[in-house]
Amino acid sequence: MTDDLTLAYENQSFVPGFDAISANWTVEAEALRRRLGDRAQTGLRYGQAPRQTFDLFLPDVTHPVGLMVFIHGGYWLATSPSTWSHLAAGALARDWAVAMPGYTLAPEARIHTITNEVETAIFAAAQIVTGPIVVTGHSAGGHLSARMACTDRTPDWAARLVRVVPISPVSDLAPLRHTAMNATLKIDAAEAATESPARLTKRDDVDCTIWVGGQERPAFLWQARLLSENWDCPWHVDPGKHHFDVIDALKDAESPLIQTLLD
């Protein structure tokens, strides 16, 4: 019998001051949207379901360099693009447009359905913004960003995808089958096999670097290294960063994370 892995994948309890950290996300996100004015286009539709929308943030130039996509986390169970608007700041300062897809949450959607939704959302954003596409995402969003680089995904925008940078990704879903959250996620053996990036093949023409915080739970360090080894791509351990501040570097146009994404 496999041990219960719920604690291994619990993040909030191991980050002091999490409530204050999460409250500040909303404040920062709203502030960025206000600052951008009509360059913040929220709630754009890519489908008819309530959460099938994306937010698009445009830099102050006529022609953006390209499109960066950030996919939010929350274990496919929680949060929405509006929580994370502030993370567009670094890319915007470098004249990239930023799209943040929403998606139907579990249990209404299974993970394979969410993967399809994200692919469709990026297609919609790619119709608006020309140029290269880079995709990043955090935690469950890290999983979804990695999925966009797998050889089983062949969207119309695939030829424009140059890089993925999964941040703190869940790259193998199998361990989550042994957590309490799987009562909602309902991951079975078949879905773990077909939706785990670490069990799939990366496209040769897509660059990839895995990013993870040095102070994350051991399970997330393992997940990051597993994907790095199986995909034969670099991984970067950000010293001193935990699961919730490792993404803060997306706000800084000169941070190593933004440089890895956009250079």
Protein backbone atom coordinates (compact mmCIF):
# COMPACT_ATOMS: atom_id res chain seq x y z
CA MET A 1 0.00 0.00 0.00
CA THR A 2 1.31 3.47 -0.92
CA ASP A 3 1.54 5.96 1.93
CA ASP A 4 -0.73 8.99 2.01
CA LEU A 5 1.21 11.78 0.26
CA THR A 6 -1.13 14.62 1.18
CA LEU A 7 1.41 16.34 3.43
CA ALA A 8 4.15 16.04 0.81
CA TYR A 9 2.12 18.21 -1.56
CA GLU A 10 0.84 20.68 1.03
CA ASN A 11 2.50 24.08 0.50
CA GLN A 12 0.55 26.70 2.42
CA SER A 13 1.20 25.25 5.87
CA PHE A 14 4.96 25.38 5.32
CA VAL A 15 5.19 29.03 4.28
CA PRO A 16 5.04 31.51 7.20
CA GLY A 17 2.69 34.41 6.57
CA PHE A 18 0.91 32.76 3.66
CA ASP A 19 -2.37 34.59 4.34
CA ALA A 20 -0.67 37.98 4.03
CA ILE A 21 1.22 36.87 0.94
CA SER A 22 -1.94 35.71 -0.83
CA ALA A 23 -3.89 38.84 0.15
CA ASN A 24 -1.19 40.98 -1.43
CA TRP A 25 -1.53 39.18 -4.77
CA THR A 26 -4.99 40.64 -5.27
CA VAL A 27 -3.80 44.13 -4.33
CA GLU A 28 -0.86 44.02 -6.72
CA ALA A 29 -2.93 42.50 -9.52
CA GLU A 30 -5.57 45.22 -9.29
CA ALA A 31 -2.89 47.92 -9.21
CA LEU A 32 -1.31 46.70 -12.42
CA ARG A 33 -4.66 46.55 -14.22
CA ARG A 34 -5.43 50.11 -13.14
CA ARG A 35 -2.04 51.32 -14.31
CA LEU A 36 -2.43 49.74 -17.73
CA GLY A 37 -5.93 51.10 -18.33
CA ASP A 38 -7.21 49.96 -21.73
CA ARG A 39 -4.03 47.98 -22.32
CA ALA A 40 -5.45 45.47 -19.82
CA GLN A 41 -8.10 43.49 -21.70
CA THR A 42 -9.78 41.12 -19.26
CA GLY A 43 -12.38 38.43 -19.69
CA LEU A 44 -11.75 37.80 -23.40
CA ARG A 45 -13.64 34.69 -24.49
CA TYR A 46 -12.22 31.58 -26.11
CA GLY A 47 -15.27 29.38 -25.33
CA GLN A 48 -18.76 29.46 -23.89
CA ALA A 49 -18.13 27.93 -20.44
CA PRO A 50 -17.97 30.48 -17.59
CA ARG A 51 -14.23 30.18 -16.99
CA GLN A 52 -13.21 29.90 -20.65
CA THR A 53 -11.74 33.39 -20.76
CA PHE A 54 -8.29 34.91 -20.83
CA ASP A 55 -6.76 38.22 -19.84
CA LEU A 56 -4.44 40.00 -22.26
CA PHE A 57 -1.99 42.72 -21.25
CA LEU A 58 -0.37 44.84 -23.94
CA PRO A 59 2.91 46.78 -23.73
CA ASP A 60 3.10 50.43 -24.66
CA VAL A 61 4.32 49.78 -28.20
CA THR A 62 2.54 49.38 -31.52
CA HIS A 63 3.96 45.93 -32.22
CA PRO A 64 4.80 43.67 -29.23
CA VAL A 65 7.92 41.53 -29.54
CA GLY A 66 5.82 38.42 -29.01
CA LEU A 67 3.39 36.71 -26.67
CA MET A 68 4.24 35.39 -23.22
CA VAL A 69 1.62 33.12 -21.67
CA PHE A 70 1.36 32.63 -17.91
CA ILE A 71 -0.84 29.76 -16.69
CA HIS A 72 -2.00 30.00 -13.09
CA GLY A 73 -1.77 27.25 -10.51
CA GLY A 74 -3.96 26.15 -7.62
CA TYR A 75 -3.83 22.37 -8.17
CA TRP A 76 -6.41 22.72 -11.02
CA LEU A 77 -8.86 23.45 -8.18
CA ALA A 78 -8.57 27.16 -7.40
CA THR A 79 -7.60 30.73 -8.35
CA SER A 80 -8.10 32.56 -11.64
CA PRO A 81 -6.11 34.86 -13.96
CA SER A 82 -7.27 37.97 -12.07
CA THR A 83 -5.16 36.96 -9.07
CA TRP A 84 -1.93 37.08 -11.05
CA SER A 85 -2.08 40.16 -13.29
CA HIS A 86 0.96 41.73 -11.59
CA LEU A 87 3.17 38.92 -12.85
CA ALA A 88 2.89 40.40 -16.34
CA ALA A 89 5.01 43.41 -15.35
CA GLY A 90 8.44 42.04 -16.26
CA ALA A 91 7.48 40.91 -19.74
CA LEU A 92 5.51 44.11 -20.44
CA ALA A 93 8.56 46.19 -19.56
CA ARG A 94 10.41 44.28 -22.28
CA ASP A 95 7.65 45.00 -24.82
CA TRP A 96 6.08 41.54 -24.78
CA ALA A 97 2.32 41.04 -24.59
CA VAL A 98 1.13 38.70 -21.83
CA ALA A 99 -1.87 36.36 -21.92
CA MET A 100 -3.24 34.67 -18.80
CA PRO A 101 -5.71 31.88 -19.59
CA GLY A 102 -8.51 30.84 -17.31
CA TYR A 103 -9.82 27.30 -17.37
CA THR A 104 -12.61 25.19 -15.93
CA LEU A 105 -11.64 23.93 -12.49
CA ALA A 106 -11.90 20.42 -11.10
CA PRO A 107 -14.16 18.62 -10.39
CA GLU A 108 -16.17 20.13 -13.24
CA ALA A 109 -13.26 19.39 -15.58
CA ARG A 110 -10.71 16.60 -15.57
CA ILE A 111 -7.06 17.52 -16.08
CA HIS A 112 -6.99 16.35 -19.71
CA THR A 113 -9.91 18.68 -20.44
CA ILE A 114 -8.09 21.57 -18.77
CA THR A 115 -5.06 20.88 -20.98
CA ASN A 116 -7.27 21.17 -24.06
CA GLU A 117 -8.81 24.40 -22.79
CA VAL A 118 -5.43 26.04 -22.22
CA GLU A 119 -4.32 25.08 -25.73
CA THR A 120 -7.48 26.70 -27.13
CA ALA A 121 -7.00 29.83 -25.03
CA ILE A 122 -3.46 30.28 -26.35
CA PHE A 123 -4.79 29.90 -29.90
CA ALA A 124 -7.23 32.75 -29.25
CA ALA A 125 -4.51 35.01 -27.82
CA ALA A 126 -2.19 34.14 -30.72
CA GLN A 127 -4.79 35.49 -33.14
CA ILE A 128 -4.41 38.90 -31.52
CA VAL A 129 -0.63 39.04 -30.93
CA THR A 130 1.89 38.07 -33.60
CA GLY A 131 5.46 36.88 -33.14
CA PRO A 132 7.07 34.15 -31.05
CA ILE A 133 5.24 32.50 -28.17
CA VAL A 134 6.78 31.52 -24.83
CA VAL A 135 4.75 29.71 -22.19
CA THR A 136 5.28 29.59 -18.46
CA GLY A 137 3.09 28.63 -15.55
CA HIS A 138 3.26 27.89 -11.85
CA SER A 139 2.59 24.62 -10.00
CA ALA A 140 -0.47 23.14 -11.76
CA GLY A 141 0.15 25.87 -14.32
CA GLY A 142 3.71 24.58 -14.57
CA HIS A 143 2.26 21.21 -15.48
CA LEU A 144 0.05 22.83 -18.12
CA SER A 145 2.91 24.87 -19.56
CA ALA A 146 5.00 21.73 -19.95
CA ARG A 147 2.08 19.97 -21.63
CA MET A 148 2.11 22.61 -24.36
CA ALA A 149 5.60 21.41 -25.39
CA CYS A 150 4.75 17.70 -25.61
CA THR A 151 4.75 15.93 -28.96
CA ASP A 152 1.10 14.87 -28.59
CA ARG A 153 0.02 18.53 -28.76
CA THR A 154 -0.19 19.90 -32.31
CA PRO A 155 -2.13 23.18 -32.13
CA ASP A 156 -2.17 25.64 -35.01
CA TRP A 157 0.14 27.94 -33.05
CA ALA A 158 2.75 25.22 -32.36
CA ALA A 159 5.18 26.52 -34.98
CA ARG A 160 5.40 29.81 -33.08
CA LEU A 161 6.20 28.18 -29.71
CA VAL A 162 9.88 28.67 -28.98
CA ARG A 163 10.19 28.04 -25.24
CA VAL A 164 8.46 26.77 -22.13
CA VAL A 165 9.60 27.51 -18.58
CA PRO A 166 7.53 25.45 -16.12
CA ILE A 167 7.82 26.92 -12.63
CA SER A 168 7.51 24.46 -9.72
CA PRO A 169 5.67 22.07 -12.04
CA VAL A 170 3.78 18.92 -11.19
CA SER A 171 5.42 16.81 -13.88
CA ASP A 172 4.26 13.35 -12.76
CA LEU A 173 0.64 13.13 -11.65
CA ALA A 174 0.90 9.63 -10.17
CA PRO A 175 1.84 10.73 -6.62
CA LEU A 176 -1.22 12.99 -6.46
CA ARG A 177 -3.40 9.89 -6.70
CA HIS A 178 -2.34 9.26 -3.09
CA THR A 179 -3.39 12.65 -1.73
CA ALA A 180 -6.69 13.83 -0.28
CA MET A 181 -7.19 16.22 -3.21
CA ASN A 182 -7.59 13.28 -5.58
CA ALA A 183 -11.10 12.80 -4.23
CA THR A 184 -11.81 15.89 -6.34
CA LEU A 185 -9.22 15.58 -9.11
CA LYS A 186 -10.04 11.90 -9.78
CA ILE A 187 -6.69 11.19 -11.43
CA ASP A 188 -6.58 7.52 -12.45
CA ALA A 189 -3.70 5.45 -13.83
CA ALA A 190 -4.64 6.20 -17.42
CA GLU A 191 -4.73 9.97 -16.91
CA ALA A 192 -1.47 9.89 -14.97
CA ALA A 193 0.13 8.18 -17.97
CA THR A 194 -1.26 10.49 -20.65
CA GLU A 195 -1.14 13.82 -18.77
CA SER A 196 2.23 13.62 -16.97
CA PRO A 197 4.85 15.61 -18.92
CA ALA A 198 7.65 13.59 -17.34
CA ARG A 199 6.21 10.47 -18.98
CA LEU A 200 5.85 12.14 -22.37
CA THR A 201 8.25 13.46 -25.00
CA LYS A 202 9.19 17.09 -25.49
CA ARG A 203 9.20 18.52 -28.99
CA ASP A 204 12.76 18.93 -30.26
CA ASP A 205 12.11 22.44 -31.55
CA VAL A 206 10.95 23.84 -28.19
CA ASP A 207 13.51 25.04 -25.66
CA CYS A 208 12.82 24.28 -22.00
CA THR A 209 14.21 25.25 -18.61
CA ILE A 210 12.59 24.04 -15.38
CA TRP A 211 12.45 26.59 -12.52
CA VAL A 212 11.90 25.77 -8.85
CA GLY A 213 12.50 27.38 -5.47
CA GLY A 214 15.30 26.10 -3.27
CA GLN A 215 13.07 26.16 -0.17
CA GLU A 216 10.16 24.31 -1.74
CA ARG A 217 8.75 21.06 -0.39
CA PRO A 218 10.98 18.10 -1.32
CA ALA A 219 8.21 16.73 -3.53
CA PHE A 220 8.39 19.79 -5.78
CA LEU A 221 12.16 19.67 -6.01
CA TRP A 222 11.79 16.02 -7.03
CA GLN A 223 9.09 16.86 -9.59
CA ALA A 224 11.28 19.57 -11.15
CA ARG A 225 14.36 17.40 -11.33
CA LEU A 226 12.40 14.47 -12.72
CA LEU A 227 11.17 16.54 -15.65
CA SER A 228 14.63 17.98 -16.21
CA GLU A 229 16.17 14.53 -16.35
CA ASN A 230 13.47 12.93 -18.47
CA TRP A 231 13.47 15.81 -20.94
CA ASP A 232 17.26 16.27 -20.84
CA CYS A 233 16.90 19.99 -20.23
CA PRO A 234 18.32 22.35 -17.61
CA TRP A 235 16.69 23.05 -14.29
CA HIS A 236 17.35 26.06 -12.08
CA VAL A 237 16.95 26.03 -8.31
CA ASP A 238 16.28 29.59 -7.15
CA PRO A 239 18.07 29.93 -3.78
CA GLY A 240 15.94 30.81 -0.77
CA LYS A 241 12.64 30.87 -2.67
CA HIS A 242 9.58 28.96 -1.50
CA HIS A 243 6.60 27.82 -3.54
CA PHE A 244 4.83 31.16 -3.42
CA ASP A 245 7.60 33.73 -3.89
CA VAL A 246 9.50 31.89 -6.61
CA ILE A 247 7.15 33.54 -9.13
CA ASP A 248 7.82 37.10 -7.91
CA ALA A 249 10.74 37.36 -10.34
CA LEU A 250 8.22 37.57 -13.19
CA LYS A 251 7.58 41.17 -12.09
CA ASP A 252 11.20 42.19 -12.71
CA ALA A 253 12.27 42.77 -16.32
CA GLU A 254 15.93 42.13 -15.41
CA SER A 255 15.46 39.00 -13.31
CA PRO A 256 17.15 35.77 -14.36
CA LEU A 257 13.72 34.17 -14.71
CA ILE A 258 12.50 36.80 -17.20
CA GLN A 259 15.83 36.63 -19.04
CA THR A 260 15.47 32.84 -19.31
CA LEU A 261 11.94 33.23 -20.65
CA LEU A 262 12.45 36.04 -23.15
CA ASP A 263 16.10 36.19 -24.23
